[in-house]
């Protein structure tokens, strides 16, 4: 059985990369979005990628494992969405995660989601999900965390669920917050003079990027974008990296935007040339992907989507390392570990 982990709703694999760095083997992953497949397969050549809709994947098709990880799609919970929550078809995908968890009965699971699911209007749905996790036979730990406290140079609040199978008599404790909170200068200072604009209609420059993916989306800025300051300074953490490239934060070389009136800002006059969106590679650095993690796309829209939807790698690594530390005594040799699994 080794330290085999199954990944659901894998996206580009930020969570997977963090678990891999912590010593787990991602043996099987599921991702339904075809625009992500090439990126995932390139960066995880040893992982079997199942491309079906998760609703159509019977549990017996999924290999035995010691852990299940994933971030069921968050659009239905997101504060930016229609806040339909669990009644949204995408919200219901959380139940698919629980179905597979109940059928496979691994030693642990980790699920990640957006802060929006804590909204009062989702109280019943969230209560129900926690109840289902517990009824599935797991000791549940649950917390809203900011990735900036976990070695990630951005403010990014996410809800994390971790469960240990109840017969292990363990409860996951979230790692201590890091003393040093990284900032933009730590992540992207060396990239500031080498970014290139996307081609017309935001098509990629491909191999013309001397640094892979170091290209930025072009085009105007919406009134919604211009309603807030979108610039963080070098000595601050980034704003949250979002899935839409048009809403990528502005590079810290620019001065902070001027306040005009409520819900209206403007670029500092005479400095307009300094205002560009962060490049895809800069966003990936802020999401703590290593530089050898290459995003594959023909249009930058898909690139930003993959980077923005990902779990920051460093945060995933710290959570995974804590799980590894807790479980190591439980599977110090293969036979004992298989015995634990066979008993279920």
Protein backbone atom coordinates (compact mmCIF):
# COMPACT_ATOMS: atom_id res chain seq x y z
CA UNK A 1 0.00 0.00 0.00
CA UNK A 2 2.92 2.35 0.61
CA UNK A 3 1.96 5.97 1.15
CA UNK A 4 -0.53 5.92 -1.70
CA UNK A 5 -2.96 8.81 -2.00
CA UNK A 6 -5.93 9.39 -4.33
CA UNK A 7 -6.71 12.92 -5.52
CA UNK A 8 -10.24 14.04 -6.46
CA UNK A 9 -11.12 17.28 -8.27
CA UNK A 10 -7.39 17.59 -8.83
CA UNK A 11 -7.22 20.70 -11.02
CA UNK A 12 -3.64 21.51 -11.97
CA UNK A 13 -2.40 19.69 -8.86
CA UNK A 14 -1.34 22.26 -6.23
CA UNK A 15 -2.60 20.03 -3.40
CA UNK A 16 -1.07 16.98 -5.07
CA UNK A 17 2.34 18.67 -5.45
CA UNK A 18 2.39 19.62 -1.75
CA UNK A 19 1.53 16.05 -0.70
CA UNK A 20 4.15 14.69 -3.10
CA UNK A 21 6.79 16.99 -1.56
CA UNK A 22 5.81 15.69 1.89
CA UNK A 23 6.52 12.08 0.83
CA UNK A 24 3.14 10.76 -0.33
CA UNK A 25 2.60 9.03 -3.70
CA UNK A 26 -0.28 10.39 -5.76
CA UNK A 27 -1.20 7.20 -7.60
CA UNK A 28 -4.61 8.13 -9.07
CA UNK A 29 -6.31 11.44 -9.76
CA UNK A 30 -9.62 12.55 -11.24
CA UNK A 31 -10.16 15.74 -13.23
CA UNK A 32 -13.07 16.31 -15.63
CA UNK A 33 -11.95 19.60 -17.26
CA UNK A 34 -10.13 18.82 -20.55
CA UNK A 35 -8.30 22.18 -20.51
CA UNK A 36 -6.31 20.93 -17.47
CA UNK A 37 -5.37 17.41 -18.60
CA UNK A 38 -2.18 18.27 -20.48
CA UNK A 39 -0.83 20.32 -17.56
CA UNK A 40 -1.60 17.61 -15.00
CA UNK A 41 -0.16 14.75 -17.06
CA UNK A 42 3.00 16.73 -17.85
CA UNK A 43 3.69 17.53 -14.19
CA UNK A 44 2.57 14.18 -12.72
CA UNK A 45 3.86 11.56 -15.18
CA UNK A 46 3.57 8.74 -12.62
CA UNK A 47 -0.07 9.42 -11.68
CA UNK A 48 -2.98 7.77 -13.49
CA UNK A 49 -5.38 10.55 -14.49
CA UNK A 50 -9.03 9.50 -14.73
CA UNK A 51 -10.91 11.97 -16.95
CA UNK A 52 -14.51 10.95 -16.28
CA UNK A 53 -17.18 12.93 -14.50
CA UNK A 54 -16.71 11.82 -10.88
CA UNK A 55 -20.43 10.92 -10.70
CA UNK A 56 -19.72 8.19 -13.27
CA UNK A 57 -16.72 6.71 -11.45
CA UNK A 58 -17.62 3.66 -9.35
CA UNK A 59 -15.56 3.35 -6.20
CA UNK A 60 -14.19 -0.07 -7.24
CA UNK A 61 -12.43 1.69 -10.15
CA UNK A 62 -10.40 3.69 -7.64
CA UNK A 63 -7.32 1.99 -6.20
CA UNK A 64 -6.91 1.31 -2.48
CA UNK A 65 -5.09 4.12 -0.73
CA UNK A 66 -4.22 5.49 2.70
CA UNK A 67 -5.61 8.96 1.97
CA UNK A 68 -8.06 10.89 -0.20
CA UNK A 69 -7.43 14.57 -0.90
CA UNK A 70 -9.23 17.17 -2.99
CA UNK A 71 -11.03 20.44 -3.35
CA UNK A 72 -14.58 19.86 -4.60
CA UNK A 73 -15.39 22.76 -6.98
CA UNK A 74 -15.77 25.96 -5.06
CA UNK A 75 -17.66 28.12 -7.58
CA UNK A 76 -20.97 27.26 -5.96
CA UNK A 77 -19.78 28.38 -2.52
CA UNK A 78 -17.73 31.36 -3.60
CA UNK A 79 -18.63 34.80 -2.34
CA UNK A 80 -18.33 35.91 -5.97
CA UNK A 81 -20.89 33.35 -7.12
CA UNK A 82 -24.65 33.30 -6.72
CA UNK A 83 -24.28 31.82 -3.21
CA UNK A 84 -26.53 28.88 -4.02
CA UNK A 85 -24.23 26.57 -2.12
CA UNK A 86 -25.23 22.94 -1.69
CA UNK A 87 -28.30 23.36 -3.93
CA UNK A 88 -26.01 24.09 -6.86
CA UNK A 89 -25.05 21.00 -8.89
CA UNK A 90 -21.39 21.84 -8.30
CA UNK A 91 -22.03 22.14 -4.57
CA UNK A 92 -23.41 18.61 -4.59
CA UNK A 93 -20.03 17.31 -5.74
CA UNK A 94 -19.06 17.40 -2.06
CA UNK A 95 -21.33 14.37 -1.66
CA UNK A 96 -19.33 12.48 -4.31
CA UNK A 97 -16.22 13.05 -2.20
CA UNK A 98 -18.04 11.58 0.80
CA UNK A 99 -19.38 8.61 -1.22
CA UNK A 100 -15.86 7.61 -2.26
CA UNK A 101 -14.50 8.23 1.23
CA UNK A 102 -17.12 5.85 2.72
CA UNK A 103 -16.43 3.16 0.14
CA UNK A 104 -12.62 3.29 0.31
CA UNK A 105 -12.23 3.95 4.06
CA UNK A 106 -8.66 5.34 3.89
CA UNK A 107 -6.71 6.33 7.01
CA UNK A 108 -7.25 10.04 6.36
CA UNK A 109 -8.81 12.63 4.09
CA UNK A 110 -8.22 16.33 3.43
CA UNK A 111 -10.76 18.56 1.69
CA UNK A 112 -10.28 22.24 0.85
CA UNK A 113 -12.85 24.90 0.02
CA UNK A 114 -13.47 28.64 -0.11
CA UNK A 115 -14.32 30.95 2.77
CA UNK A 116 -17.75 31.58 1.19
CA UNK A 117 -19.06 28.26 2.49
CA UNK A 118 -18.97 29.77 6.01
CA UNK A 119 -21.63 32.35 5.04
CA UNK A 120 -24.66 32.25 7.33
CA UNK A 121 -26.93 31.19 4.44
CA UNK A 122 -24.88 27.98 4.11
CA UNK A 123 -25.07 27.13 7.81
CA UNK A 124 -27.29 24.07 7.32
CA UNK A 125 -25.30 22.75 4.37
CA UNK A 126 -22.01 23.09 6.23
CA UNK A 127 -23.47 21.47 9.36
CA UNK A 128 -24.66 18.60 7.18
CA UNK A 129 -21.28 18.11 5.49
CA UNK A 130 -19.47 18.00 8.86
CA UNK A 131 -22.06 15.49 10.10
CA UNK A 132 -21.57 13.29 7.03
CA UNK A 133 -17.79 13.28 7.51
CA UNK A 134 -18.20 12.22 11.14
CA UNK A 135 -20.84 9.60 10.30
CA UNK A 136 -18.44 8.19 7.70
CA UNK A 137 -16.22 7.15 10.62
CA UNK A 138 -13.72 10.01 10.90
CA UNK A 139 -12.50 12.30 13.67
CA UNK A 140 -12.94 15.68 11.99
CA UNK A 141 -10.77 18.78 12.33
CA UNK A 142 -11.98 21.93 10.63
CA UNK A 143 -10.55 25.43 10.33
CA UNK A 144 -10.50 28.60 8.25
CA UNK A 145 -6.85 29.37 7.56
CA UNK A 146 -4.98 32.15 5.75
CA UNK A 147 -2.31 30.76 3.43
CA UNK A 148 -0.04 33.69 4.34
CA UNK A 149 0.43 32.05 7.76
CA UNK A 150 1.62 28.88 5.99
CA UNK A 151 4.58 30.16 3.96
CA UNK A 152 2.56 31.54 1.03
CA UNK A 153 3.07 35.18 -0.09
CA UNK A 154 -0.62 36.04 -0.47
CA UNK A 155 -3.70 36.65 1.62
CA UNK A 156 -5.85 33.64 0.77
CA UNK A 157 -8.45 32.35 3.21
CA UNK A 158 -9.57 28.77 2.77
CA UNK A 159 -11.59 26.25 4.75
CA UNK A 160 -9.75 22.98 5.45
CA UNK A 161 -11.35 19.72 6.61
CA UNK A 162 -9.03 16.93 7.80
CA UNK A 163 -10.28 13.60 9.10
CA UNK A 164 -8.48 10.61 10.63
CA UNK A 165 -10.31 7.31 10.63
CA UNK A 166 -11.79 6.97 14.10
CA UNK A 167 -10.19 3.58 14.92
CA UNK A 168 -6.76 5.31 14.75
CA UNK A 169 -7.67 7.36 17.86
CA UNK A 170 -6.03 10.44 16.38
CA UNK A 171 -7.18 14.00 15.87
CA UNK A 172 -5.44 16.29 13.39
CA UNK A 173 -4.00 19.46 14.87
CA UNK A 174 -3.34 22.30 12.46
CA UNK A 175 0.35 23.23 12.29
CA UNK A 176 1.49 26.33 14.12
CA UNK A 177 1.36 29.51 12.09
CA UNK A 178 4.77 30.42 10.67
CA UNK A 179 6.50 33.37 12.35
CA UNK A 180 7.60 34.90 9.07
CA UNK A 181 4.89 35.81 6.59
CA UNK A 182 6.35 35.98 3.06
CA UNK A 183 5.68 39.01 0.85
CA UNK A 184 5.73 39.78 -2.87
CA UNK A 185 9.43 40.66 -2.88
CA UNK A 186 10.27 37.15 -1.62
CA UNK A 187 8.37 35.55 -4.48
CA UNK A 188 8.74 37.58 -7.67
CA UNK A 189 11.47 40.23 -7.30
CA UNK A 190 13.77 38.48 -9.79
CA UNK A 191 11.04 38.29 -12.46
CA UNK A 192 10.15 41.97 -12.70
CA UNK A 193 11.95 42.88 -15.93
CA UNK A 194 11.38 39.76 -18.02
CA UNK A 195 7.59 39.44 -18.42
CA UNK A 196 6.10 39.75 -21.89
CA UNK A 197 2.54 40.64 -22.93
CA UNK A 198 0.28 37.95 -24.37
CA UNK A 199 -0.31 37.87 -28.10
CA UNK A 200 -3.50 39.30 -29.60
CA UNK A 201 -6.70 37.97 -27.97
CA UNK A 202 -4.49 36.67 -25.14
CA UNK A 203 -2.96 33.77 -27.01
CA UNK A 204 0.29 32.42 -25.60
CA UNK A 205 3.77 33.36 -26.77
CA UNK A 206 4.69 29.71 -26.26
CA UNK A 207 8.43 29.10 -26.51
CA UNK A 208 9.10 32.82 -26.88
CA UNK A 209 8.70 33.08 -23.09
CA UNK A 210 12.32 32.83 -21.90
CA UNK A 211 10.94 31.90 -18.48
CA UNK A 212 8.06 29.43 -18.94
CA UNK A 213 4.59 31.00 -18.51
CA UNK A 214 6.09 34.44 -17.78
CA UNK A 215 3.52 36.33 -19.86
CA UNK A 216 0.61 38.51 -18.81
CA UNK A 217 -2.94 39.07 -19.97
CA UNK A 218 -3.60 42.20 -22.01
CA UNK A 219 -6.83 44.14 -22.41
CA UNK A 220 -8.84 46.74 -20.53
CA UNK A 221 -9.87 46.83 -16.89
CA UNK A 222 -13.54 46.60 -15.92
CA UNK A 223 -15.33 49.12 -13.72
CA UNK A 224 -15.54 46.38 -11.07
CA UNK A 225 -11.76 45.98 -11.21
CA UNK A 226 -11.30 49.76 -11.01
CA UNK A 227 -13.62 50.00 -7.97
CA UNK A 228 -10.82 48.93 -5.59
CA UNK A 229 -7.09 49.36 -5.23
CA UNK A 230 -5.52 46.33 -6.93
CA UNK A 231 -1.88 47.05 -6.12
CA UNK A 232 0.01 45.58 -3.21
CA UNK A 233 3.54 46.85 -2.47
CA UNK A 234 6.70 44.73 -2.58
CA UNK A 235 6.75 44.43 1.21
CA UNK A 236 3.14 43.15 1.43
CA UNK A 237 1.60 39.77 0.62
CA UNK A 238 -0.31 39.58 -2.65
CA UNK A 239 -4.05 39.87 -2.94
CA UNK A 240 -5.70 36.46 -3.48
CA UNK A 241 -4.76 35.00 -6.86
CA UNK A 242 -8.11 34.41 -8.55
CA UNK A 243 -9.10 32.08 -11.37
CA UNK A 244 -9.90 34.89 -13.80
CA UNK A 245 -6.92 36.52 -15.49
CA UNK A 246 -8.78 39.80 -15.96
CA UNK A 247 -8.85 40.08 -12.17
CA UNK A 248 -5.19 39.24 -11.63
CA UNK A 249 -3.60 41.74 -9.22
CA UNK A 250 -1.44 44.55 -10.61
CA UNK A 251 2.34 44.18 -10.43
CA UNK A 252 3.92 45.91 -7.39
CA UNK A 253 6.11 48.12 -9.64
CA UNK A 254 3.04 50.40 -9.92
CA UNK A 255 2.00 52.91 -7.27
CA UNK A 256 -1.23 52.21 -5.38
CA UNK A 257 -4.33 53.37 -7.22
CA UNK A 258 -5.84 56.76 -6.43
CA UNK A 259 -9.17 56.97 -4.62
CA UNK A 260 -11.66 59.09 -6.62
CA UNK A 261 -14.96 58.31 -4.90
CA UNK A 262 -16.70 55.29 -3.43
CA UNK A 263 -16.22 52.29 -5.75
CA UNK A 264 -13.97 54.26 -8.09
CA UNK A 265 -10.19 54.28 -8.30
CA UNK A 266 -7.82 55.31 -11.07
CA UNK A 267 -4.23 54.69 -12.08
CA UNK A 268 -1.80 57.44 -11.02
CA UNK A 269 -1.53 59.94 -13.88
CA UNK A 270 1.78 59.81 -15.72
CA UNK A 271 2.49 56.33 -14.30
CA UNK A 272 -0.06 54.38 -16.35
CA UNK A 273 2.67 52.37 -18.12
CA UNK A 274 3.58 50.70 -14.81
CA UNK A 275 0.17 49.09 -14.38
CA UNK A 276 0.20 45.58 -15.76
CA UNK A 277 -1.36 42.38 -14.50
CA UNK A 278 0.88 39.86 -12.77
CA UNK A 279 2.18 37.31 -15.26
CA UNK A 280 1.12 33.70 -15.11
CA UNK A 281 4.53 32.67 -13.75
CA UNK A 282 4.34 35.43 -11.12
CA UNK A 283 0.91 34.16 -10.08
CA UNK A 284 2.30 30.61 -9.99
CA UNK A 285 5.20 31.77 -7.78
CA UNK A 286 2.72 33.50 -5.46
CA UNK A 287 0.82 30.18 -5.36
CA UNK A 288 4.25 28.64 -4.50
CA UNK A 289 4.47 26.33 -7.52
CA UNK A 290 8.10 25.45 -8.32
CA UNK A 291 9.46 26.95 -11.55
CA UNK A 292 9.73 23.50 -13.13
CA UNK A 293 5.96 23.11 -12.86
CA UNK A 294 4.85 24.08 -16.36
CA UNK A 295 1.31 25.19 -17.26
CA UNK A 296 0.10 24.13 -20.72
CA UNK A 297 -2.49 26.26 -22.54
CA UNK A 298 -3.06 28.00 -25.86
CA UNK A 299 -4.91 30.96 -24.35
CA UNK A 300 -3.85 32.67 -21.13
CA UNK A 301 -7.45 32.55 -19.84
CA UNK A 302 -6.99 28.82 -19.18
CA UNK A 303 -3.56 29.34 -17.64
CA UNK A 304 -4.82 31.87 -15.08
CA UNK A 305 -7.80 29.63 -14.31
CA UNK A 306 -5.56 26.67 -13.47
CA UNK A 307 -3.19 28.73 -11.32
CA UNK A 308 -5.96 30.63 -9.51
CA UNK A 309 -8.05 27.56 -8.69
CA UNK A 310 -5.09 25.66 -7.24
CA UNK A 311 -4.29 25.07 -3.59
CA UNK A 312 -0.99 26.85 -2.76
CA UNK A 313 1.74 24.20 -2.78
CA UNK A 314 3.53 25.36 0.39
CA UNK A 315 0.30 25.35 2.39
CA UNK A 316 -0.50 21.85 1.10
CA UNK A 317 3.02 20.72 2.00
CA UNK A 318 2.77 21.94 5.61
CA UNK A 319 -0.63 20.27 6.11
CA UNK A 320 0.60 17.05 4.44
CA UNK A 321 3.77 17.00 6.56
CA UNK A 322 1.67 17.17 9.72
CA UNK A 323 -0.45 14.24 8.48
CA UNK A 324 2.70 12.27 7.61
CA UNK A 325 4.11 12.90 11.09
CA UNK A 326 0.88 11.74 12.76
CA UNK A 327 0.45 8.60 10.67
CA UNK A 328 4.02 7.35 10.44
CA UNK A 329 3.78 5.32 13.66
CA UNK A 330 0.57 3.77 12.29
CA UNK A 331 2.22 2.38 9.17
CA UNK A 332 5.87 1.92 9.99
CA UNK A 333 5.85 -1.20 7.86
CA UNK A 334 3.74 -2.30 4.93
CA UNK A 335 2.24 -5.37 6.57
CA UNK A 336 0.91 -3.48 9.55
CA UNK A 337 -0.55 -0.81 7.30
CA UNK A 338 -2.28 -3.38 5.08
CA UNK A 339 -3.67 -5.03 8.21
CA UNK A 340 -5.22 -1.72 9.24
CA UNK A 341 -6.85 -1.42 5.82
CA UNK A 342 -7.95 -5.07 5.60
CA UNK A 343 -9.77 -4.74 8.91
CA UNK A 344 -12.08 -2.39 7.08
